[in-house]
């Protein structure tokens, strides 16, 4: 494996990724020298393939968000923040990710209420929240590691800028519309994120999106079709429930 003369501290690293590829397709990829084969994802190094596995799942999460917002009518805090939260859940786990996100946002809202007394400008306030979120995530990661949780250090995969902006938006929403609207939009965001996570972690979808990335064009067509919908949302039908008695 390794033969070194006159050196020290030599190391050997292995990178592996699990994937299912048909034998015929694998033989074609290895033997073909066409342009499309050279540009295929399977020709990339293992680290880049792992990144593309997550990247190619984003259209699926985006389709879930569009369906829940346009067809169901569920409110979320931010447009596509649930997709980023679901992507973070793939790096951690569902229970650890939910717990970490709720704790970080709750602590951030408490700190944001203190920052409101300092009458800072918006840019300075957002930058301060980013710094505080970094410290909170680091603290939760270290505490989780000391307690023996293997997912403690992977909390850092949460998009810190999105969390800071979410805390800012929720605090403004708290001041304008009250805590009930914060709970509604925050709960809607977590619900959509969980649904997107459940879809994105299914082995069949991971296999199809990675080995057949052109299927994302089908998701694009579905998103465009839902974007043309201007009818009633399913959550709005409860307003007409009283008409059943007529």
Protein backbone atom coordinates (compact mmCIF):
# COMPACT_ATOMS: atom_id res chain seq x y z
CA UNK A 1 0.00 0.00 0.00
CA UNK A 2 2.73 2.49 0.91
CA UNK A 3 6.54 2.49 0.65
CA UNK A 4 8.32 5.58 1.98
CA UNK A 5 12.05 6.17 2.33
CA UNK A 6 13.28 9.01 4.51
CA UNK A 7 9.78 10.29 5.28
CA UNK A 8 7.55 10.44 8.33
CA UNK A 9 3.87 10.79 9.25
CA UNK A 10 2.71 9.12 6.04
CA UNK A 11 -1.00 8.37 5.74
CA UNK A 12 -3.31 6.51 3.40
CA UNK A 13 -6.90 7.68 2.95
CA UNK A 14 -9.79 5.88 1.26
CA UNK A 15 -12.98 7.45 -0.05
CA UNK A 16 -16.02 5.32 -0.80
CA UNK A 17 -19.57 6.02 -1.87
CA UNK A 18 -22.39 3.51 -2.13
CA UNK A 19 -24.42 3.56 -5.32
CA UNK A 20 -26.36 1.15 -7.49
CA UNK A 21 -25.53 1.20 -11.20
CA UNK A 22 -26.73 -1.35 -13.79
CA UNK A 23 -23.93 -3.55 -15.09
CA UNK A 24 -24.61 -2.62 -18.73
CA UNK A 25 -24.50 1.07 -17.95
CA UNK A 26 -21.29 0.67 -15.94
CA UNK A 27 -19.62 -1.14 -18.84
CA UNK A 28 -20.72 1.55 -21.26
CA UNK A 29 -19.35 4.28 -19.02
CA UNK A 30 -15.96 2.58 -18.75
CA UNK A 31 -15.59 1.71 -22.43
CA UNK A 32 -17.13 4.74 -24.11
CA UNK A 33 -15.11 7.85 -24.94
CA UNK A 34 -17.98 10.07 -26.08
CA UNK A 35 -18.41 13.63 -24.87
CA UNK A 36 -21.53 12.82 -22.82
CA UNK A 37 -19.72 9.97 -21.08
CA UNK A 38 -16.77 12.17 -20.21
CA UNK A 39 -19.15 14.73 -18.74
CA UNK A 40 -21.00 12.10 -16.68
CA UNK A 41 -21.19 12.27 -12.92
CA UNK A 42 -19.71 8.75 -12.57
CA UNK A 43 -16.41 10.01 -13.98
CA UNK A 44 -15.97 12.49 -11.12
CA UNK A 45 -13.95 11.73 -7.95
CA UNK A 46 -15.76 10.17 -5.02
CA UNK A 47 -15.96 13.40 -3.02
CA UNK A 48 -17.57 15.28 -5.90
CA UNK A 49 -19.99 12.41 -6.52
CA UNK A 50 -21.14 12.60 -2.91
CA UNK A 51 -21.71 16.34 -3.31
CA UNK A 52 -23.69 15.80 -6.51
CA UNK A 53 -25.87 13.23 -4.73
CA UNK A 54 -27.11 15.99 -2.45
CA UNK A 55 -27.16 18.66 -5.14
CA UNK A 56 -29.35 16.63 -7.49
CA UNK A 57 -31.89 16.12 -4.70
CA UNK A 58 -32.61 19.84 -4.40
CA UNK A 59 -35.14 19.92 -7.30
CA UNK A 60 -37.17 17.24 -5.51
CA UNK A 61 -37.25 19.31 -2.33
CA UNK A 62 -38.15 22.42 -4.34
CA UNK A 63 -41.09 20.55 -5.93
CA UNK A 64 -42.34 19.55 -2.46
CA UNK A 65 -42.18 23.18 -1.29
CA UNK A 66 -44.06 24.44 -4.37
CA UNK A 67 -46.77 21.78 -3.92
CA UNK A 68 -47.24 22.56 -0.23
CA UNK A 69 -47.35 26.31 -0.77
CA UNK A 70 -49.29 26.57 -4.06
CA UNK A 71 -51.64 23.59 -3.88
CA UNK A 72 -52.02 22.99 -0.12
CA UNK A 73 -51.60 26.64 0.89
CA UNK A 74 -49.27 26.07 3.83
CA UNK A 75 -47.40 29.13 5.04
CA UNK A 76 -43.65 28.93 5.57
CA UNK A 77 -41.03 31.32 6.88
CA UNK A 78 -39.18 32.08 3.68
CA UNK A 79 -39.72 30.58 0.27
CA UNK A 80 -37.17 27.80 0.01
CA UNK A 81 -35.71 27.74 3.50
CA UNK A 82 -37.44 24.35 4.15
CA UNK A 83 -35.35 22.82 1.35
CA UNK A 84 -32.13 23.95 3.04
CA UNK A 85 -33.36 22.63 6.37
CA UNK A 86 -34.21 19.28 4.75
CA UNK A 87 -30.75 19.22 3.18
CA UNK A 88 -29.26 19.75 6.62
CA UNK A 89 -31.40 16.92 8.00
CA UNK A 90 -29.79 14.61 5.44
CA UNK A 91 -26.41 15.42 6.95
CA UNK A 92 -27.52 14.94 10.55
CA UNK A 93 -30.67 12.97 11.31
CA UNK A 94 -34.30 13.96 11.64
CA UNK A 95 -34.56 14.00 15.45
CA UNK A 96 -31.16 15.62 16.05
CA UNK A 97 -31.74 18.13 13.26
CA UNK A 98 -35.18 19.16 14.50
CA UNK A 99 -33.96 19.50 18.08
CA UNK A 100 -30.94 21.55 17.05
CA UNK A 101 -32.92 23.83 14.77
CA UNK A 102 -35.61 24.56 17.36
CA UNK A 103 -33.04 25.25 20.09
CA UNK A 104 -30.95 27.52 17.88
CA UNK A 105 -33.93 29.52 16.62
CA UNK A 106 -35.41 29.84 20.12
CA UNK A 107 -32.09 31.05 21.54
CA UNK A 108 -31.68 33.38 18.57
CA UNK A 109 -35.11 34.93 19.14
CA UNK A 110 -34.18 35.59 22.77
CA UNK A 111 -30.95 37.27 21.70
CA UNK A 112 -32.77 39.20 18.97
CA UNK A 113 -35.14 40.69 21.54
CA UNK A 114 -32.11 42.03 23.39
CA UNK A 115 -30.57 43.44 20.20
CA UNK A 116 -33.78 45.34 19.47
CA UNK A 117 -33.05 47.52 22.50
CA UNK A 118 -29.75 48.66 20.98
CA UNK A 119 -31.49 50.27 17.96
CA UNK A 120 -28.98 48.86 15.47
CA UNK A 121 -29.20 49.20 11.72
CA UNK A 122 -30.50 46.21 9.78
CA UNK A 123 -27.11 45.26 8.31
CA UNK A 124 -25.37 45.41 11.69
CA UNK A 125 -28.19 43.48 13.34
CA UNK A 126 -28.04 40.68 10.74
CA UNK A 127 -24.24 40.52 11.00
CA UNK A 128 -24.48 40.34 14.79
CA UNK A 129 -27.00 37.51 14.53
CA UNK A 130 -24.69 35.60 12.18
CA UNK A 131 -21.84 35.84 14.70
CA UNK A 132 -24.12 34.75 17.54
CA UNK A 133 -25.50 31.86 15.47
CA UNK A 134 -21.94 30.68 14.79
CA UNK A 135 -21.20 30.68 18.53
CA UNK A 136 -24.47 28.88 19.33
CA UNK A 137 -23.91 26.19 16.69
CA UNK A 138 -20.34 25.69 17.91
CA UNK A 139 -21.53 25.41 21.50
CA UNK A 140 -24.26 22.89 20.62
CA UNK A 141 -21.80 20.87 18.55
CA UNK A 142 -19.22 20.71 21.35
CA UNK A 143 -21.85 19.88 23.97
CA UNK A 144 -23.30 17.16 21.74
CA UNK A 145 -19.85 15.69 21.14
CA UNK A 146 -19.08 15.68 24.88
CA UNK A 147 -22.39 13.94 25.58
CA UNK A 148 -21.52 11.23 23.10
CA UNK A 149 -23.91 12.12 20.28
CA UNK A 150 -22.31 11.29 16.95
CA UNK A 151 -24.44 13.87 15.13
CA UNK A 152 -23.29 16.71 17.34
CA UNK A 153 -20.51 17.94 15.08
CA UNK A 154 -22.64 17.75 11.93
CA UNK A 155 -24.96 20.50 13.18
CA UNK A 156 -22.57 22.91 11.47
CA UNK A 157 -24.09 21.89 8.13
CA UNK A 158 -27.06 24.14 8.89
CA UNK A 159 -26.99 27.22 6.65
CA UNK A 160 -26.04 29.85 9.21
CA UNK A 161 -26.94 32.83 7.02
CA UNK A 162 -30.43 31.42 6.44
CA UNK A 163 -30.90 30.76 10.16
CA UNK A 164 -29.82 34.30 11.04
CA UNK A 165 -32.21 35.77 8.48
CA UNK A 166 -34.98 33.44 9.70
CA UNK A 167 -34.50 34.66 13.27
CA UNK A 168 -34.69 38.25 12.05
CA UNK A 169 -37.87 37.62 10.05
CA UNK A 170 -39.53 35.73 12.88
CA UNK A 171 -38.73 38.48 15.37
CA UNK A 172 -40.26 41.11 13.05
CA UNK A 173 -43.27 38.85 12.52
CA UNK A 174 -43.57 38.48 16.30
CA UNK A 175 -43.69 42.26 16.73
CA UNK A 176 -46.16 42.84 13.87
CA UNK A 177 -48.53 39.83 13.98
CA UNK A 178 -47.90 38.22 17.35
CA UNK A 179 -46.51 34.85 18.46
CA UNK A 180 -49.34 32.83 16.89
CA UNK A 181 -48.23 33.77 13.37
CA UNK A 182 -44.62 32.92 14.27
CA UNK A 183 -45.70 29.48 15.43
CA UNK A 184 -47.82 28.99 12.30
CA UNK A 185 -45.09 29.90 9.83
CA UNK A 186 -42.32 28.25 11.83
CA UNK A 187 -44.34 25.06 12.21
CA UNK A 188 -45.22 25.14 8.51
CA UNK A 189 -41.56 25.47 7.60
CA UNK A 190 -40.60 22.51 9.76
CA UNK A 191 -43.48 20.41 8.41
CA UNK A 192 -42.48 21.09 4.80
CA UNK A 193 -38.83 20.45 5.67
CA UNK A 194 -39.71 17.08 7.22
CA UNK A 195 -41.81 16.09 4.18
CA UNK A 196 -39.00 17.13 1.84
CA UNK A 197 -36.50 15.19 3.96
CA UNK A 198 -38.64 12.05 3.87
CA UNK A 199 -38.80 12.28 0.08
CA UNK A 200 -35.12 13.12 -0.40
CA UNK A 201 -33.83 10.29 1.77
CA UNK A 202 -35.75 7.53 -0.03
CA UNK A 203 -33.25 5.21 -1.76
CA UNK A 204 -35.32 5.07 -4.94
CA UNK A 205 -35.21 8.86 -5.38
CA UNK A 206 -31.51 9.03 -4.48
CA UNK A 207 -30.81 6.36 -7.12
CA UNK A 208 -32.95 7.95 -9.84
CA UNK A 209 -31.76 11.53 -9.39
CA UNK A 210 -28.09 10.50 -9.31
CA UNK A 211 -28.03 8.00 -12.16
CA UNK A 212 -30.68 9.73 -14.27
CA UNK A 213 -30.29 13.47 -13.61
CA UNK A 214 -32.38 14.26 -16.68
CA UNK A 215 -35.44 13.25 -14.62
CA UNK A 216 -35.10 16.62 -12.90
CA UNK A 217 -36.53 18.08 -16.10
CA UNK A 218 -39.75 16.23 -15.28
CA UNK A 219 -39.76 17.91 -11.87
CA UNK A 220 -39.15 21.21 -13.62
CA UNK A 221 -42.21 20.62 -15.80
CA UNK A 222 -44.30 19.82 -12.70
CA UNK A 223 -43.09 23.00 -10.98
CA UNK A 224 -43.96 25.07 -14.06
CA UNK A 225 -47.39 23.45 -14.21
CA UNK A 226 -48.08 24.19 -10.55
CA UNK A 227 -46.87 27.75 -11.13
CA UNK A 228 -49.83 28.27 -13.48
CA UNK A 229 -52.39 27.22 -10.86
CA UNK A 230 -54.52 30.14 -9.70
CA UNK A 231 -57.44 28.30 -8.10
CA UNK A 232 -58.33 27.73 -4.48
CA UNK A 233 -55.80 26.13 -2.20
CA UNK A 234 -56.86 23.07 -0.23
CA UNK A 235 -56.42 24.93 3.07
CA UNK A 236 -58.88 27.59 1.87
CA UNK A 237 -61.71 25.11 1.35
CA UNK A 238 -62.50 25.18 5.07
CA UNK A 239 -63.99 28.64 4.55
CA UNK A 240 -66.77 27.03 2.52
CA UNK A 241 -67.49 24.32 5.09
CA UNK A 242 -70.59 26.19 6.26
CA UNK A 243 -72.14 25.74 2.82
CA UNK A 244 -72.51 22.00 3.48
CA UNK A 245 -75.44 22.75 5.79
CA UNK A 246 -77.38 24.63 3.10
